[in-house]
């Protein structure tokens, strides 16, 4: 799908260099290219056809007989060109078996148990434990008789109208990503109450000020603050707010003053400003948008029924001015200078030597792991050369868990403008306590190559490269050097 914006002055839906030269010829993409909903008005039908755009959605404002036939009759565009654009669409229809076939099967229930299970598994493996001071998590039955749940994201699942849940519901973001679950999503408070050990008193307070003397917070064995964003704050067509709503900061700070065991469960699609409270809380679990069934998985993590095995897919900066786009986004006069270039995410923090709040790939676990016996073997030569990287991973703790082994390549001697390191492979390893497994990952010449703008090709600058293996972009205990 092409984007709405221009790149280097050309609308992406009419950019032959992007769609045909790069996407189809260089990357050998065989599928169809569709525009984001509604082609930009300045784009002509001829421009879109010449760029290689296969399909206009949601309707044929540009791609219709009245616009296309005159171009064919005048010789500006050929029948062969039309066939070339139609062929990937037909290929997709055949591949998806949509000829003489209805995509809907009445035998598959809308409320499908398999889909319900998948929603649970995604959150189970995706939630990331970012802070766990003094092992406040998991909450155990022996020491937690009273749990207080606070925050706006704990119970905001009321229906707005008809069959729709309101936009304050924190189970998914807004816009085209929003889907309406057939079943009512499980709220965080309901999930905690359901999975709490027998005899545990789970109390919900809409705000910290709900209790006049706030005595219940002082006596609670743990306070769970459910905060973050929702579909009305993070949606298609609007920028992700970096600062959460101000009342949430106040709520967390007030709760932390009254209780030393405050655990924050954060909803949202990315990082938020945490400086007001991150050093005052005991635990932080990033639950993202949990979906219809994910809060049960989050509660399972809270009570130790599930190990936390999610890892950050991005870098969490300490402050907005540390971000790569700071200072030149959103730009001026509808123009943004892409000043960060190749230095996106962890590459920016490595290059500028900025310490993030939490690095790319980071995530805590309830068990512990060790990595050792790093070995690199080489076979072949030139572009046919491959390297096999092996490492042994061991669960050294007392609980089943999963570690994400990450492989990075560091160019050591290079005059070119290159990243300090680049992730080139990762593997998720499930282990039982005291069990080990050997992980294998492969590298080829493309993993060492960089784009040569002068020669318009990819090349591997000769020299030494460090192969590093670890659990995040900032934690790579195993490393060795190879020469290419």
Protein backbone atom coordinates (compact mmCIF):
# COMPACT_ATOMS: atom_id res chain seq x y z
CA UNK A 1 0.00 0.00 0.00
CA UNK A 2 1.34 3.40 -0.94
CA UNK A 3 1.24 6.29 1.50
CA UNK A 4 -0.56 9.62 1.17
CA UNK A 5 2.52 11.77 1.42
CA UNK A 6 5.07 12.85 -1.15
CA UNK A 7 8.63 11.54 -1.05
CA UNK A 8 11.24 13.87 -2.52
CA UNK A 9 8.44 15.89 -4.07
CA UNK A 10 6.58 13.00 -5.74
CA UNK A 11 3.31 11.47 -4.50
CA UNK A 12 4.06 7.88 -3.51
CA UNK A 13 0.99 6.60 -5.38
CA UNK A 14 2.47 8.02 -8.60
CA UNK A 15 6.15 7.28 -7.99
CA UNK A 16 7.48 4.93 -10.70
CA UNK A 17 10.87 4.79 -9.01
CA UNK A 18 9.35 3.41 -5.79
CA UNK A 19 6.62 1.15 -7.18
CA UNK A 20 8.21 -0.23 -10.35
CA UNK A 21 11.97 0.27 -10.16
CA UNK A 22 12.45 -0.58 -6.48
CA UNK A 23 9.46 -2.64 -5.43
CA UNK A 24 8.96 -4.76 -8.53
CA UNK A 25 12.29 -4.87 -10.34
CA UNK A 26 14.83 -4.68 -7.53
CA UNK A 27 12.82 -6.43 -4.79
CA UNK A 28 11.01 -8.71 -7.28
CA UNK A 29 7.62 -8.17 -5.65
CA UNK A 30 4.94 -10.19 -7.48
CA UNK A 31 1.84 -9.06 -5.60
CA UNK A 32 -0.44 -6.11 -6.19
CA UNK A 33 0.16 -2.52 -5.13
CA UNK A 34 -2.85 -0.63 -3.75
CA UNK A 35 -3.15 3.01 -2.76
CA UNK A 36 -4.20 4.07 0.70
CA UNK A 37 -7.89 4.90 0.74
CA UNK A 38 -8.43 7.61 -1.85
CA UNK A 39 -5.76 8.73 -4.32
CA UNK A 40 -4.52 12.25 -3.73
CA UNK A 41 -6.41 14.72 -5.99
CA UNK A 42 -3.24 16.17 -7.64
CA UNK A 43 -2.42 12.73 -9.09
CA UNK A 44 -3.65 12.17 -12.64
CA UNK A 45 -4.92 8.81 -13.87
CA UNK A 46 -2.00 8.62 -16.30
CA UNK A 47 0.55 9.25 -13.54
CA UNK A 48 -0.92 6.46 -11.42
CA UNK A 49 -0.96 4.00 -14.34
CA UNK A 50 2.60 4.81 -15.36
CA UNK A 51 3.87 4.39 -11.81
CA UNK A 52 2.68 0.77 -11.68
CA UNK A 53 -0.19 1.21 -9.19
CA UNK A 54 -2.47 -1.81 -9.64
CA UNK A 55 -5.55 -0.98 -7.64
CA UNK A 56 -7.33 2.17 -6.51
CA UNK A 57 -9.38 1.93 -3.34
CA UNK A 58 -12.07 2.25 -2.17
CA UNK A 59 -13.63 3.18 -5.54
CA UNK A 60 -12.61 3.98 -9.10
CA UNK A 61 -12.41 7.76 -9.05
CA UNK A 62 -9.28 7.70 -11.24
CA UNK A 63 -9.31 4.08 -12.40
CA UNK A 64 -12.47 3.89 -14.50
CA UNK A 65 -13.38 3.47 -18.17
CA UNK A 66 -14.11 7.16 -18.72
CA UNK A 67 -10.59 8.08 -17.65
CA UNK A 68 -8.59 5.13 -18.98
CA UNK A 69 -10.08 4.48 -22.45
CA UNK A 70 -9.16 7.94 -23.81
CA UNK A 71 -5.56 7.34 -22.69
CA UNK A 72 -5.51 4.06 -24.62
CA UNK A 73 -7.15 5.52 -27.73
CA UNK A 74 -4.72 8.42 -27.79
CA UNK A 75 -1.72 6.11 -27.40
CA UNK A 76 -0.65 7.55 -24.06
CA UNK A 77 -1.07 4.16 -22.40
CA UNK A 78 -1.16 0.70 -23.95
CA UNK A 79 -3.35 -2.39 -23.61
CA UNK A 80 -0.17 -4.28 -22.70
CA UNK A 81 0.34 -1.84 -19.86
CA UNK A 82 -3.21 -2.44 -18.63
CA UNK A 83 -2.66 -6.20 -18.77
CA UNK A 84 0.52 -5.85 -16.73
CA UNK A 85 -1.40 -3.95 -14.03
CA UNK A 86 -4.33 -6.37 -14.01
CA UNK A 87 -2.24 -9.55 -13.94
CA UNK A 88 -1.14 -9.23 -10.24
CA UNK A 89 -4.78 -8.65 -9.23
CA UNK A 90 -5.88 -11.83 -11.03
CA UNK A 91 -2.93 -13.71 -9.56
CA UNK A 92 -4.06 -12.69 -6.08
CA UNK A 93 -7.67 -13.75 -6.78
CA UNK A 94 -6.50 -17.18 -7.94
CA UNK A 95 -4.04 -17.59 -5.06
CA UNK A 96 -6.76 -16.75 -2.53
CA UNK A 97 -9.16 -19.18 -4.27
CA UNK A 98 -11.80 -16.49 -4.68
CA UNK A 99 -13.02 -17.62 -8.12
CA UNK A 100 -16.46 -19.20 -7.78
CA UNK A 101 -15.96 -19.21 -4.06
CA UNK A 102 -17.49 -17.20 -1.26
CA UNK A 103 -14.94 -16.11 1.37
CA UNK A 104 -17.46 -16.60 4.17
CA UNK A 105 -18.08 -20.05 5.60
CA UNK A 106 -21.22 -20.42 7.66
CA UNK A 107 -19.60 -23.37 9.43
CA UNK A 108 -17.10 -21.02 11.08
CA UNK A 109 -18.65 -19.26 14.05
CA UNK A 110 -18.09 -15.53 14.39
CA UNK A 111 -17.22 -16.13 18.02
CA UNK A 112 -14.52 -18.64 17.12
CA UNK A 113 -12.77 -20.34 20.03
CA UNK A 114 -9.51 -20.60 18.09
CA UNK A 115 -9.47 -16.86 17.43
CA UNK A 116 -10.25 -16.26 21.10
CA UNK A 117 -7.25 -18.41 22.02
CA UNK A 118 -4.99 -16.59 19.56
CA UNK A 119 -5.96 -13.22 21.08
CA UNK A 120 -4.88 -14.60 24.44
CA UNK A 121 -1.60 -16.06 23.15
CA UNK A 122 -0.57 -12.84 21.38
CA UNK A 123 -0.82 -10.83 24.58
CA UNK A 124 0.75 -13.63 26.61
CA UNK A 125 3.88 -13.51 24.47
CA UNK A 126 3.85 -9.78 23.72
CA UNK A 127 3.46 -8.03 27.09
CA UNK A 128 6.80 -6.60 28.26
CA UNK A 129 7.89 -6.34 31.89
CA UNK A 130 10.00 -3.17 32.06
CA UNK A 131 10.51 -2.70 35.80
CA UNK A 132 10.33 -5.15 38.71
CA UNK A 133 11.89 -3.53 41.78
CA UNK A 134 12.61 -6.04 44.54
CA UNK A 135 10.65 -8.65 42.56
CA UNK A 136 7.31 -7.02 43.37
CA UNK A 137 5.92 -9.25 40.62
CA UNK A 138 4.52 -11.81 40.50
CA UNK A 139 2.00 -11.26 43.27
CA UNK A 140 1.79 -14.32 45.48
CA UNK A 141 -1.18 -15.65 47.43
CA UNK A 142 0.80 -15.79 50.67
CA UNK A 143 1.59 -12.09 50.95
CA UNK A 144 -1.19 -10.30 49.10
CA UNK A 145 -4.51 -10.26 50.90
CA UNK A 146 -5.68 -6.87 49.59
CA UNK A 147 -5.09 -5.57 46.06
CA UNK A 148 -6.34 -2.13 45.05
CA UNK A 149 -6.92 -1.43 41.35
CA UNK A 150 -6.99 2.21 40.23
CA UNK A 151 -6.89 4.12 36.97
CA UNK A 152 -9.08 4.96 33.97
CA UNK A 153 -8.09 1.91 31.93
CA UNK A 154 -9.22 -0.62 34.53
CA UNK A 155 -12.94 -0.66 33.77
CA UNK A 156 -13.68 1.65 30.80
CA UNK A 157 -15.61 -0.83 28.68
CA UNK A 158 -19.13 0.61 28.72
CA UNK A 159 -21.12 0.53 25.48
CA UNK A 160 -21.49 3.90 23.77
CA UNK A 161 -24.41 3.02 21.51
CA UNK A 162 -25.76 -0.05 19.78
CA UNK A 163 -23.15 -2.82 19.80
CA UNK A 164 -20.09 -0.55 19.94
CA UNK A 165 -17.78 -0.21 22.92
CA UNK A 166 -16.83 3.38 23.61
CA UNK A 167 -13.63 5.00 22.32
CA UNK A 168 -12.19 5.12 25.83
CA UNK A 169 -11.82 1.35 25.84
CA UNK A 170 -8.10 0.53 26.01
CA UNK A 171 -8.20 -2.85 24.27
CA UNK A 172 -7.20 -1.52 20.82
CA UNK A 173 -6.21 1.62 18.96
CA UNK A 174 -8.52 3.67 16.76
CA UNK A 175 -8.90 4.14 13.03
CA UNK A 176 -8.58 1.35 10.48
CA UNK A 177 -7.00 -0.94 13.08
CA UNK A 178 -10.18 -0.84 15.15
CA UNK A 179 -12.38 -3.93 15.03
CA UNK A 180 -15.55 -4.64 16.99
CA UNK A 181 -15.21 -7.82 19.05
CA UNK A 182 -18.17 -10.17 18.97
CA UNK A 183 -17.81 -10.71 22.70
CA UNK A 184 -17.34 -8.05 25.33
CA UNK A 185 -13.62 -7.61 26.04
CA UNK A 186 -12.49 -8.57 29.52
CA UNK A 187 -11.57 -5.47 31.54
CA UNK A 188 -8.33 -5.37 33.50
CA UNK A 189 -10.18 -5.19 36.82
CA UNK A 190 -12.35 -8.19 35.92
CA UNK A 191 -9.30 -10.19 34.83
CA UNK A 192 -7.41 -9.42 38.05
CA UNK A 193 -10.43 -10.27 40.16
CA UNK A 194 -10.93 -13.53 38.26
CA UNK A 195 -7.35 -14.75 38.53
CA UNK A 196 -6.55 -13.46 42.03
CA UNK A 197 -5.86 -16.24 44.57
CA UNK A 198 -8.78 -17.39 46.70
CA UNK A 199 -9.19 -15.13 49.71
CA UNK A 200 -7.66 -12.06 48.04
CA UNK A 201 -9.78 -8.92 48.35
CA UNK A 202 -9.63 -6.98 45.07
CA UNK A 203 -10.91 -3.39 45.39
CA UNK A 204 -11.48 -0.89 42.58
CA UNK A 205 -11.15 2.87 43.07
CA UNK A 206 -11.93 5.14 40.09
CA UNK A 207 -9.51 7.73 41.49
CA UNK A 208 -7.12 7.91 44.41
CA UNK A 209 -9.42 10.48 46.01
CA UNK A 210 -12.33 8.00 46.00
CA UNK A 211 -11.57 7.23 49.65
CA UNK A 212 -11.59 10.27 51.94
CA UNK A 213 -8.69 9.20 54.18
CA UNK A 214 -7.05 7.06 51.52
CA UNK A 215 -6.49 4.49 54.25
CA UNK A 216 -7.18 1.55 51.99
CA UNK A 217 -4.22 2.41 49.77
CA UNK A 218 -1.85 2.52 52.72
CA UNK A 219 -2.98 -0.92 53.93
CA UNK A 220 -3.04 -2.58 50.50
CA UNK A 221 -0.44 -5.24 49.78
CA UNK A 222 -0.23 -3.97 46.19
CA UNK A 223 -1.73 -1.19 44.07
CA UNK A 224 -2.26 -1.80 40.35
CA UNK A 225 -2.60 1.42 38.31
CA UNK A 226 -4.15 0.86 34.87
CA UNK A 227 -3.25 3.83 32.68
CA UNK A 228 -2.13 4.83 29.20
CA UNK A 229 -3.84 5.60 25.93
CA UNK A 230 -6.99 4.47 24.14
CA UNK A 231 -8.67 4.59 20.74
CA UNK A 232 -9.61 8.25 21.09
CA UNK A 233 -6.03 9.33 21.87
CA UNK A 234 -4.12 7.04 19.51
CA UNK A 235 -5.76 6.63 16.15
CA UNK A 236 -5.30 6.83 12.41
CA UNK A 237 -4.95 10.43 11.26
CA UNK A 238 -3.58 11.85 14.53
CA UNK A 239 -0.14 11.82 16.11
CA UNK A 240 0.57 9.55 19.03
CA UNK A 241 0.61 11.76 22.16
CA UNK A 242 3.88 11.42 24.04
CA UNK A 243 2.49 12.66 27.34
CA UNK A 244 -0.35 10.63 28.88
CA UNK A 245 -3.33 12.61 30.20
CA UNK A 246 -2.17 14.75 33.13
CA UNK A 247 -4.59 13.23 35.69
CA UNK A 248 -2.90 9.86 35.16
CA UNK A 249 0.48 11.21 36.23
CA UNK A 250 -1.11 12.71 39.36
CA UNK A 251 -2.89 9.45 40.14
CA UNK A 252 0.32 7.39 39.94
CA UNK A 253 2.32 9.90 41.97
CA UNK A 254 -0.33 10.09 44.70
CA UNK A 255 -0.63 6.30 44.86
CA UNK A 256 3.17 5.93 45.09
CA UNK A 257 3.28 8.34 48.05
CA UNK A 258 0.82 6.15 49.95
CA UNK A 259 2.11 2.71 48.94
CA UNK A 260 5.56 1.40 48.01
CA UNK A 261 4.15 -1.47 45.92
CA UNK A 262 2.57 0.39 43.01
CA UNK A 263 2.52 -1.59 39.75
CA UNK A 264 1.66 0.30 36.55
CA UNK A 265 -0.02 -1.55 33.69
CA UNK A 266 0.43 0.60 30.60
CA UNK A 267 -1.75 0.55 27.47
CA UNK A 268 -0.74 2.12 24.17
CA UNK A 269 1.10 1.58 20.92
CA UNK A 270 4.44 2.99 22.05
CA UNK A 271 6.41 4.91 24.62
CA UNK A 272 4.94 7.65 26.82
CA UNK A 273 6.52 10.23 29.12
CA UNK A 274 7.28 8.51 32.43
CA UNK A 275 9.62 10.94 34.16
CA UNK A 276 7.00 12.09 36.67
CA UNK A 277 6.59 8.64 38.23
CA UNK A 278 8.95 5.99 36.86
CA UNK A 279 11.34 6.21 39.82
CA UNK A 280 8.53 6.11 42.37
CA UNK A 281 6.82 2.90 41.30
CA UNK A 282 7.85 -0.71 41.93
CA UNK A 283 6.68 -2.39 38.74
CA UNK A 284 5.89 -1.50 35.11
CA UNK A 285 4.23 -3.88 32.67
CA UNK A 286 3.64 -2.68 29.10
CA UNK A 287 0.49 -4.47 27.94
CA UNK A 288 0.17 -2.53 24.65
CA UNK A 289 -3.41 -2.90 23.33
CA UNK A 290 -4.45 -6.32 24.68
CA UNK A 291 -7.44 -7.07 22.44
CA UNK A 292 -10.62 -8.86 23.45
CA UNK A 293 -8.95 -11.52 25.60
CA UNK A 294 -5.51 -10.17 26.39
CA UNK A 295 -6.23 -8.78 29.83
CA UNK A 296 -6.63 -12.35 31.10
CA UNK A 297 -3.06 -12.99 29.92
CA UNK A 298 -1.88 -9.80 31.64
CA UNK A 299 -3.53 -10.92 34.88
CA UNK A 300 -1.87 -14.31 34.45
CA UNK A 301 1.48 -12.54 34.27
CA UNK A 302 0.67 -10.42 37.34
CA UNK A 303 0.00 -13.54 39.43
CA UNK A 304 2.89 -15.57 38.04
CA UNK A 305 0.86 -18.11 36.10
CA UNK A 306 2.71 -16.95 32.97
CA UNK A 307 6.33 -15.86 32.59
CA UNK A 308 6.91 -12.48 30.98
CA UNK A 309 8.64 -13.13 27.67
CA UNK A 310 7.80 -10.08 25.54
CA UNK A 311 10.63 -7.85 24.32
CA UNK A 312 10.49 -4.22 23.17
CA UNK A 313 10.17 -3.82 19.37
CA UNK A 314 11.37 -0.22 19.69
CA UNK A 315 13.57 2.00 21.85
CA UNK A 316 11.89 3.89 24.71
CA UNK A 317 13.54 7.29 25.07
CA UNK A 318 13.73 9.10 28.41
CA UNK A 319 12.40 12.33 26.95
CA UNK A 320 10.99 13.54 23.65
CA UNK A 321 14.06 15.59 22.75
CA UNK A 322 16.10 12.35 22.68
CA UNK A 323 14.00 10.95 19.81
CA UNK A 324 15.43 10.84 16.25
CA UNK A 325 12.63 13.01 14.84
CA UNK A 326 12.86 15.71 17.50
CA UNK A 327 13.50 19.18 16.09
CA UNK A 328 12.32 18.51 12.53
CA UNK A 329 8.92 16.86 12.96
CA UNK A 330 6.17 17.86 12.16
CA UNK A 331 8.12 20.27 9.97
CA UNK A 332 6.97 23.50 8.33
CA UNK A 333 4.61 24.32 5.44
CA UNK A 334 3.67 20.65 4.99
CA UNK A 335 7.31 19.68 4.47
CA UNK A 336 9.33 17.42 6.75
CA UNK A 337 13.08 17.03 6.40
CA UNK A 338 14.00 13.40 7.00
CA UNK A 339 17.10 14.44 8.89
CA UNK A 340 17.66 11.21 10.84
CA UNK A 341 18.34 9.31 7.60
CA UNK A 342 19.30 5.70 8.30
CA UNK A 343 19.55 6.33 12.03
CA UNK A 344 16.13 5.15 13.16
CA UNK A 345 15.29 3.62 16.53
CA UNK A 346 18.23 2.08 18.37
CA UNK A 347 20.55 3.11 15.52
CA UNK A 348 20.04 6.77 16.49
CA UNK A 349 20.74 6.16 20.17
CA UNK A 350 23.87 4.17 19.31
CA UNK A 351 25.15 6.84 16.90
CA UNK A 352 24.46 9.79 19.20
CA UNK A 353 25.48 7.87 22.35
CA UNK A 354 22.18 8.67 24.07
CA UNK A 355 21.14 6.38 26.91
CA UNK A 356 17.49 5.34 26.41
CA UNK A 357 15.01 4.62 29.17
CA UNK A 358 14.67 1.07 27.87
CA UNK A 359 16.68 -0.23 24.87
CA UNK A 360 15.39 -2.07 21.81
CA UNK A 361 14.84 -5.77 22.54
CA UNK A 362 14.66 -5.21 26.31
CA UNK A 363 12.34 -7.16 28.58
CA UNK A 364 12.48 -8.75 32.03
CA UNK A 365 11.53 -12.29 32.97
CA UNK A 366 10.52 -14.12 36.14
CA UNK A 367 13.22 -16.67 35.45
CA UNK A 368 16.87 -16.20 34.48
CA UNK A 369 18.87 -17.22 31.42
CA UNK A 370 22.48 -17.64 30.45
CA UNK A 371 24.07 -17.62 26.99
CA UNK A 372 27.43 -19.19 26.22
CA UNK A 373 29.48 -21.22 23.73
CA UNK A 374 29.23 -18.71 20.89
CA UNK A 375 30.58 -20.22 17.67
CA UNK A 376 30.73 -18.92 14.09
CA UNK A 377 31.47 -21.21 11.14
CA UNK A 378 31.94 -20.09 7.54
CA UNK A 379 31.25 -21.80 4.23
CA UNK A 380 31.39 -20.66 0.60
CA UNK A 381 32.95 -17.49 -0.79
CA UNK A 382 31.88 -14.09 -2.10
CA UNK A 383 28.11 -13.66 -2.45
CA UNK A 384 27.71 -17.39 -1.84
CA UNK A 385 29.42 -17.20 1.55
CA UNK A 386 27.28 -17.95 4.62
CA UNK A 387 28.04 -17.83 8.32
CA UNK A 388 26.29 -20.02 10.87
CA UNK A 389 26.14 -18.54 14.36
CA UNK A 390 25.41 -20.94 17.23
CA UNK A 391 24.94 -20.22 20.91
CA UNK A 392 23.74 -22.26 23.86
CA UNK A 393 20.88 -20.84 25.93
CA UNK A 394 20.05 -22.16 29.42
CA UNK A 395 17.13 -21.45 31.74
CA UNK A 396 19.05 -20.99 35.00
CA UNK A 397 15.97 -20.12 37.08
CA UNK A 398 13.09 -22.04 38.64
CA UNK A 399 10.32 -21.32 36.13
CA UNK A 400 9.49 -22.18 32.53
CA UNK A 401 10.28 -19.23 30.34
CA UNK A 402 11.21 -17.90 26.92
CA UNK A 403 14.29 -15.95 25.94
CA UNK A 404 14.65 -13.95 22.73
CA UNK A 405 18.19 -14.41 21.45
CA UNK A 406 19.25 -11.42 19.32
CA UNK A 407 22.07 -11.29 16.78
CA UNK A 408 23.75 -7.99 15.86
CA UNK A 409 26.46 -7.12 13.31
CA UNK A 410 28.92 -4.25 14.07
CA UNK A 411 31.14 -2.87 11.27
CA UNK A 412 34.52 -2.24 12.93
CA UNK A 413 36.59 -0.57 10.22
CA UNK A 414 34.63 1.48 7.72
CA UNK A 415 34.91 4.99 6.32
CA UNK A 416 31.27 4.95 5.19
CA UNK A 417 28.36 6.45 7.10
CA UNK A 418 27.07 3.25 8.70
CA UNK A 419 25.09 2.19 11.75
CA UNK A 420 27.05 1.21 14.85
CA UNK A 421 25.17 -2.09 14.87
CA UNK A 422 22.21 -3.70 13.12
CA UNK A 423 19.92 -6.50 14.21
CA UNK A 424 20.33 -9.35 11.74
CA UNK A 425 18.50 -12.21 13.42
CA UNK A 426 16.54 -13.27 16.47
CA UNK A 427 15.06 -16.50 17.82
CA UNK A 428 12.54 -17.11 20.59
CA UNK A 429 13.58 -20.06 22.78
CA UNK A 430 11.18 -21.81 25.19
CA UNK A 431 12.92 -23.62 28.03
CA UNK A 432 12.19 -25.53 31.22
CA UNK A 433 14.29 -24.86 34.34
CA UNK A 434 17.88 -26.11 34.07
CA UNK A 435 17.39 -27.07 30.43
CA UNK A 436 19.55 -25.84 27.55
CA UNK A 437 19.11 -25.49 23.82
CA UNK A 438 21.50 -24.65 21.01
CA UNK A 439 20.28 -21.80 18.83
CA UNK A 440 21.37 -21.49 15.19
CA UNK A 441 21.13 -18.37 13.04
CA UNK A 442 22.60 -17.72 9.60
CA UNK A 443 24.16 -14.66 7.96
CA UNK A 444 24.96 -14.04 4.31
CA UNK A 445 26.64 -11.24 2.35
CA UNK A 446 23.52 -9.03 2.44
CA UNK A 447 23.78 -8.90 6.25
CA UNK A 448 27.14 -7.14 5.87
CA UNK A 449 26.30 -5.03 2.83
CA UNK A 450 25.45 -1.35 2.61
CA UNK A 451 23.98 0.61 -0.28
CA UNK A 452 26.49 2.36 -2.51
CA UNK A 453 24.73 5.46 -3.86
CA UNK A 454 27.52 6.22 -6.34
CA UNK A 455 27.34 2.77 -7.94
CA UNK A 456 23.59 2.34 -7.34
CA UNK A 457 24.18 -1.11 -5.85
CA UNK A 458 24.84 -3.05 -2.64
CA UNK A 459 28.39 -3.84 -1.59
CA UNK A 460 30.25 -5.30 1.37
CA UNK A 461 33.15 -3.07 2.40
CA UNK A 462 36.08 -5.39 3.19
CA UNK A 463 37.23 -5.45 6.77
CA UNK A 464 36.44 -6.76 10.24
CA UNK A 465 32.92 -7.14 11.62
CA UNK A 466 31.90 -7.97 15.16
CA UNK A 467 29.22 -10.62 15.62
CA UNK A 468 27.40 -9.98 18.91
CA UNK A 469 24.68 -12.01 20.62
CA UNK A 470 22.56 -10.92 23.57
CA UNK A 471 19.15 -10.06 24.98
CA UNK A 472 18.84 -6.44 23.78
CA UNK A 473 20.65 -3.82 21.71
CA UNK A 474 22.40 -2.73 24.93
CA UNK A 475 23.14 -6.19 26.38
CA UNK A 476 25.36 -8.35 24.17
CA UNK A 477 27.57 -10.51 26.41
CA UNK A 478 28.83 -12.76 23.60
CA UNK A 479 30.85 -11.45 20.67
CA UNK A 480 33.53 -12.43 18.22
CA UNK A 481 35.11 -10.93 15.10
CA UNK A 482 34.95 -12.15 11.49
CA UNK A 483 36.56 -10.74 8.37
CA UNK A 484 34.75 -10.21 5.08
